[in-house]
């Protein structure tokens, strides 16, 4: 019985770590996408200014 209890705890620990890793990756991806969006907006603005001159 003790062995099955240890396996259950290990499974729970693995699931918790997987979820935590997923959250961290999702948050870092949001920051990356936001940064790319800002870069594209800046490039667009610079292009508009260059064409209007």
PDB file of N, CA and C in Angstrom:
ATOM      1  N   UNK A   1       0.800  -1.195   0.000  1.00  0.00           N
ATOM      2  CA  UNK A   1       0.000   0.000   0.000  1.00  0.00           C
ATOM      3  C   UNK A   1       0.843   1.260   0.000  1.00  0.00           C
ATOM      4  N   UNK A   2       1.923   1.234   0.697  1.00  0.00           N
ATOM      5  CA  UNK A   2       2.776   2.405   0.796  1.00  0.00           C
ATOM      6  C   UNK A   2       3.351   2.778  -0.566  1.00  0.00           C
ATOM      7  N   UNK A   3       3.638   1.769  -1.401  1.00  0.00           N
ATOM      8  CA  UNK A   3       4.207   2.010  -2.727  1.00  0.00           C
ATOM      9  C   UNK A   3       3.206   2.711  -3.640  1.00  0.00           C
ATOM     10  N   UNK A   4       1.936   2.331  -3.596  1.00  0.00           N
ATOM     11  CA  UNK A   4       0.928   2.973  -4.443  1.00  0.00           C
ATOM     12  C   UNK A   4       0.679   4.407  -4.001  1.00  0.00           C
ATOM     13  N   UNK A   5       0.768   4.674  -2.724  1.00  0.00           N
ATOM     14  CA  UNK A   5       0.599   6.029  -2.206  1.00  0.00           C
ATOM     15  C   UNK A   5       1.735   6.926  -2.695  1.00  0.00           C
ATOM     16  N   UNK A   6       2.946   6.398  -2.721  1.00  0.00           N
ATOM     17  CA  UNK A   6       4.106   7.160  -3.214  1.00  0.00           C
ATOM     18  C   UNK A   6       3.957   7.443  -4.702  1.00  0.00           C
ATOM     19  N   UNK A   7       3.434   6.489  -5.457  1.00  0.00           N
ATOM     20  CA  UNK A   7       3.218   6.691  -6.895  1.00  0.00           C
ATOM     21  C   UNK A   7       2.169   7.779  -7.125  1.00  0.00           C
ATOM     22  N   UNK A   8       1.132   7.785  -6.313  1.00  0.00           N
ATOM     23  CA  UNK A   8       0.088   8.802  -6.426  1.00  0.00           C
ATOM     24  C   UNK A   8       0.634  10.192  -6.140  1.00  0.00           C
ATOM     25  N   UNK A   9       1.465  10.295  -5.124  1.00  0.00           N
ATOM     26  CA  UNK A   9       2.078  11.586  -4.806  1.00  0.00           C
ATOM     27  C   UNK A   9       2.996  12.041  -5.925  1.00  0.00           C
ATOM     28  N   UNK A  10       3.729  11.099  -6.492  1.00  0.00           N
ATOM     29  CA  UNK A  10       4.615  11.441  -7.598  1.00  0.00           C
ATOM     30  C   UNK A  10       3.833  11.932  -8.807  1.00  0.00           C
ATOM     31  N   UNK A  11       2.689  11.325  -9.062  1.00  0.00           N
ATOM     32  CA  UNK A  11       1.847  11.736 -10.177  1.00  0.00           C
ATOM     33  C   UNK A  11       1.284  13.131  -9.945  1.00  0.00           C
ATOM     34  N   UNK A  12       0.830  13.382  -8.742  1.00  0.00           N
ATOM     35  CA  UNK A  12       0.302  14.708  -8.415  1.00  0.00           C
ATOM     36  C   UNK A  12       1.402  15.749  -8.553  1.00  0.00           C
ATOM     37  N   UNK A  13       2.585  15.439  -8.062  1.00  0.00           N
ATOM     38  CA  UNK A  13       3.713  16.368  -8.153  1.00  0.00           C
ATOM     39  C   UNK A  13       4.046  16.651  -9.622  1.00  0.00           C
ATOM     40  N   UNK A  14       4.037  15.615 -10.467  1.00  0.00           N
ATOM     41  CA  UNK A  14       4.333  15.791 -11.887  1.00  0.00           C
ATOM     42  C   UNK A  14       3.282  16.668 -12.566  1.00  0.00           C
ATOM     43  N   UNK A  15       2.026  16.474 -12.216  1.00  0.00           N
ATOM     44  CA  UNK A  15       0.952  17.274 -12.807  1.00  0.00           C
ATOM     45  C   UNK A  15       1.087  18.737 -12.376  1.00  0.00           C
ATOM     46  N   UNK A  16       1.357  18.961 -11.103  1.00  0.00           N
ATOM     47  CA  UNK A  16       1.498  20.331 -10.602  1.00  0.00           C
ATOM     48  C   UNK A  16       2.676  21.024 -11.278  1.00  0.00           C
ATOM     49  N   UNK A  17       3.792  20.337 -11.405  1.00  0.00           N
ATOM     50  CA  UNK A  17       4.958  20.924 -12.068  1.00  0.00           C
ATOM     51  C   UNK A  17       4.683  21.204 -13.550  1.00  0.00           C
ATOM     52  N   UNK A  18       3.957  20.314 -14.201  1.00  0.00           N
ATOM     53  CA  UNK A  18       3.616  20.524 -15.605  1.00  0.00           C
ATOM     54  C   UNK A  18       2.720  21.743 -15.788  1.00  0.00           C
ATOM     55  N   UNK A  19       1.739  21.887 -14.911  1.00  0.00           N
ATOM     56  CA  UNK A  19       0.844  23.043 -14.991  1.00  0.00           C
ATOM     57  C   UNK A  19       1.620  24.333 -14.727  1.00  0.00           C
ATOM     58  N   UNK A  20       2.503  24.309 -13.730  1.00  0.00           N
ATOM     59  CA  UNK A  20       3.301  25.495 -13.422  1.00  0.00           C
ATOM     60  C   UNK A  20       4.193  25.869 -14.603  1.00  0.00           C
ATOM     61  N   UNK A  21       4.812  24.882 -15.229  1.00  0.00           N
ATOM     62  CA  UNK A  21       5.655  25.141 -16.394  1.00  0.00           C
ATOM     63  C   UNK A  21       4.821  25.720 -17.536  1.00  0.00           C
ATOM     64  N   UNK A  22       3.612  25.205 -17.726  1.00  0.00           N
ATOM     65  CA  UNK A  22       2.727  25.729 -18.766  1.00  0.00           C
ATOM     66  C   UNK A  22       2.348  27.176 -18.522  1.00  0.00           C
ATOM     67  N   UNK A  23       2.091  27.515 -17.284  1.00  0.00           N
ATOM     68  CA  UNK A  23       1.739  28.902 -16.939  1.00  0.00           C
ATOM     69  C   UNK A  23       2.916  29.827 -17.217  1.00  0.00           C
ATOM     70  N   UNK A  24       4.105  29.408 -16.816  1.00  0.00           N
ATOM     71  CA  UNK A  24       5.300  30.224 -17.054  1.00  0.00           C
ATOM     72  C   UNK A  24       5.520  30.432 -18.553  1.00  0.00           C
ATOM     73  N   UNK A  25       5.375  29.379 -19.333  1.00  0.00           N
ATOM     74  CA  UNK A  25       5.551  29.502 -20.784  1.00  0.00           C
ATOM     75  C   UNK A  25       4.486  30.405 -21.399  1.00  0.00           C
ATOM     76  N   UNK A  26       3.272  30.288 -20.939  1.00  0.00           N
ATOM     77  CA  UNK A  26       2.195  31.126 -21.473  1.00  0.00           C
ATOM     78  C   UNK A  26       2.452  32.599 -21.167  1.00  0.00           C
ATOM     79  N   UNK A  27       2.902  32.887 -19.962  1.00  0.00           N
ATOM     80  CA  UNK A  27       3.174  34.284 -19.599  1.00  0.00           C
ATOM     81  C   UNK A  27       4.344  34.851 -20.402  1.00  0.00           C
ATOM     82  N   UNK A  28       5.369  34.055 -20.607  1.00  0.00           N
ATOM     83  CA  UNK A  28       6.509  34.551 -21.383  1.00  0.00           C
ATOM     84  C   UNK A  28       6.119  34.731 -22.848  1.00  0.00           C
ATOM     85  N   UNK A  29       5.246  33.898 -23.354  1.00  0.00           N
ATOM     86  CA  UNK A  29       4.792  34.041 -24.738  1.00  0.00           C
ATOM     87  C   UNK A  29       3.981  35.319 -24.901  1.00  0.00           C
ATOM     88  N   UNK A  30       3.174  35.658 -23.926  1.00  0.00           N
ATOM     89  CA  UNK A  30       2.393  36.891 -23.992  1.00  0.00           C
ATOM     90  C   UNK A  30       3.311  38.105 -24.076  1.00  0.00           C
ATOM     91  N   UNK A  31       4.360  38.105 -23.284  1.00  0.00           N
ATOM     92  CA  UNK A  31       5.307  39.213 -23.320  1.00  0.00           C
ATOM     93  C   UNK A  31       5.994  39.304 -24.670  1.00  0.00           C
ATOM     94  N   UNK A  32       6.329  38.177 -25.257  1.00  0.00           N
ATOM     95  CA  UNK A  32       6.993  38.164 -26.554  1.00  0.00           C
ATOM     96  C   UNK A  32       6.062  38.696 -27.640  1.00  0.00           C
ATOM     97  N   UNK A  33       4.827  38.241 -27.649  1.00  0.00           N
ATOM     98  CA  UNK A  33       3.857  38.693 -28.648  1.00  0.00           C
ATOM     99  C   UNK A  33       3.599  40.183 -28.489  1.00  0.00           C
ATOM    100  N   UNK A  34       3.506  40.645 -27.259  1.00  0.00           N
ATOM    101  CA  UNK A  34       3.286  42.072 -27.015  1.00  0.00           C
ATOM    102  C   UNK A  34       4.464  42.881 -27.549  1.00  0.00           C
ATOM    103  N   UNK A  35       5.671  42.400 -27.337  1.00  0.00           N
ATOM    104  CA  UNK A  35       6.865  43.091 -27.832  1.00  0.00           C
ATOM    105  C   UNK A  35       6.911  43.151 -29.340  1.00  0.00           C
ATOM    106  N   UNK A  36       6.547  42.066 -29.996  1.00  0.00           N
ATOM    107  CA  UNK A  36       6.517  42.043 -31.461  1.00  0.00           C
ATOM    108  C   UNK A  36       5.474  43.022 -31.970  1.00  0.00           C
ATOM    109  N   UNK A  37       4.326  43.069 -31.312  1.00  0.00           N
ATOM    110  CA  UNK A  37       3.273  44.010 -31.717  1.00  0.00           C
ATOM    111  C   UNK A  37       3.749  45.450 -31.617  1.00  0.00           C
ATOM    112  N   UNK A  38       4.453  45.776 -30.554  1.00  0.00           N
ATOM    113  CA  UNK A  38       4.977  47.143 -30.396  1.00  0.00           C
ATOM    114  C   UNK A  38       6.010  47.450 -31.471  1.00  0.00           C
ATOM    115  N   UNK A  39       6.870  46.483 -31.778  1.00  0.00           N
ATOM    116  CA  UNK A  39       7.878  46.686 -32.821  1.00  0.00           C
ATOM    117  C   UNK A  39       7.220  46.925 -34.179  1.00  0.00           C
ATOM    118  N   UNK A  40       6.173  46.164 -34.474  1.00  0.00           N
ATOM    119  CA  UNK A  40       5.472  46.333 -35.750  1.00  0.00           C
ATOM    120  C   UNK A  40       4.791  47.696 -35.825  1.00  0.00           C
ATOM    121  N   UNK A  41       4.210  48.136 -34.727  1.00  0.00           N
ATOM    122  CA  UNK A  41       3.579  49.453 -34.719  1.00  0.00           C
ATOM    123  C   UNK A  41       4.612  50.549 -34.947  1.00  0.00           C
ATOM    124  N   UNK A  42       5.751  50.424 -34.317  1.00  0.00           N
ATOM    125  CA  UNK A  42       6.810  51.424 -34.480  1.00  0.00           C
ATOM    126  C   UNK A  42       7.333  51.426 -35.919  1.00  0.00           C
ATOM    127  N   UNK A  43       7.520  50.243 -36.492  1.00  0.00           N
ATOM    128  CA  UNK A  43       7.989  50.159 -37.874  1.00  0.00           C
ATOM    129  C   UNK A  43       6.960  50.768 -38.829  1.00  0.00           C
ATOM    130  N   UNK A  44       5.692  50.521 -38.563  1.00  0.00           N
ATOM    131  CA  UNK A  44       4.633  51.084 -39.388  1.00  0.00           C
ATOM    132  C   UNK A  44       4.631  52.610 -39.310  1.00  0.00           C
ATOM    133  N   UNK A  45       4.774  53.140 -38.120  1.00  0.00           N
ATOM    134  CA  UNK A  45       4.802  54.592 -37.931  1.00  0.00           C
ATOM    135  C   UNK A  45       6.000  55.204 -38.654  1.00  0.00           C
ATOM    136  N   UNK A  46       7.164  54.565 -38.535  1.00  0.00           N
ATOM    137  CA  UNK A  46       8.366  55.064 -39.205  1.00  0.00           C
ATOM    138  C   UNK A  46       8.200  55.041 -40.725  1.00  0.00           C
ATOM    139  N   UNK A  47       7.541  54.002 -41.243  1.00  0.00           N
ATOM    140  CA  UNK A  47       7.316  53.912 -42.691  1.00  0.00           C
ATOM    141  C   UNK A  47       6.380  55.029 -43.151  1.00  0.00           C
ATOM    142  N   UNK A  48       5.303  55.280 -42.395  1.00  0.00           N
ATOM    143  CA  UNK A  48       4.377  56.350 -42.738  1.00  0.00           C
ATOM    144  C   UNK A  48       5.093  57.701 -42.762  1.00  0.00           C
ATOM    145  N   UNK A  49       5.929  57.940 -41.764  1.00  0.00           N
ATOM    146  CA  UNK A  49       6.656  59.203 -41.693  1.00  0.00           C
ATOM    147  C   UNK A  49       7.633  59.345 -42.861  1.00  0.00           C
ATOM    148  N   UNK A  50       8.301  58.262 -43.221  1.00  0.00           N
ATOM    149  CA  UNK A  50       9.251  58.305 -44.329  1.00  0.00           C
ATOM    150  C   UNK A  50       8.542  58.567 -45.657  1.00  0.00           C
ATOM    151  N   UNK A  51       7.365  57.988 -45.841  1.00  0.00           N
ATOM    152  CA  UNK A  51       6.624  58.162 -47.089  1.00  0.00           C
ATOM    153  C   UNK A  51       6.015  59.559 -47.184  1.00  0.00           C
ATOM    154  N   UNK A  52       5.681  60.172 -46.071  1.00  0.00           N
ATOM    155  CA  UNK A  52       5.053  61.494 -46.102  1.00  0.00           C
ATOM    156  C   UNK A  52       6.058  62.601 -46.309  1.00  0.00           C
ATOM    157  N   UNK A  53       7.361  62.326 -46.115  1.00  0.00           N
ATOM    158  CA  UNK A  53       8.395  63.358 -46.293  1.00  0.00           C
ATOM    159  C   UNK A  53       8.721  63.604 -47.726  1.00  0.00           C
TER     160      UNK A  53
END
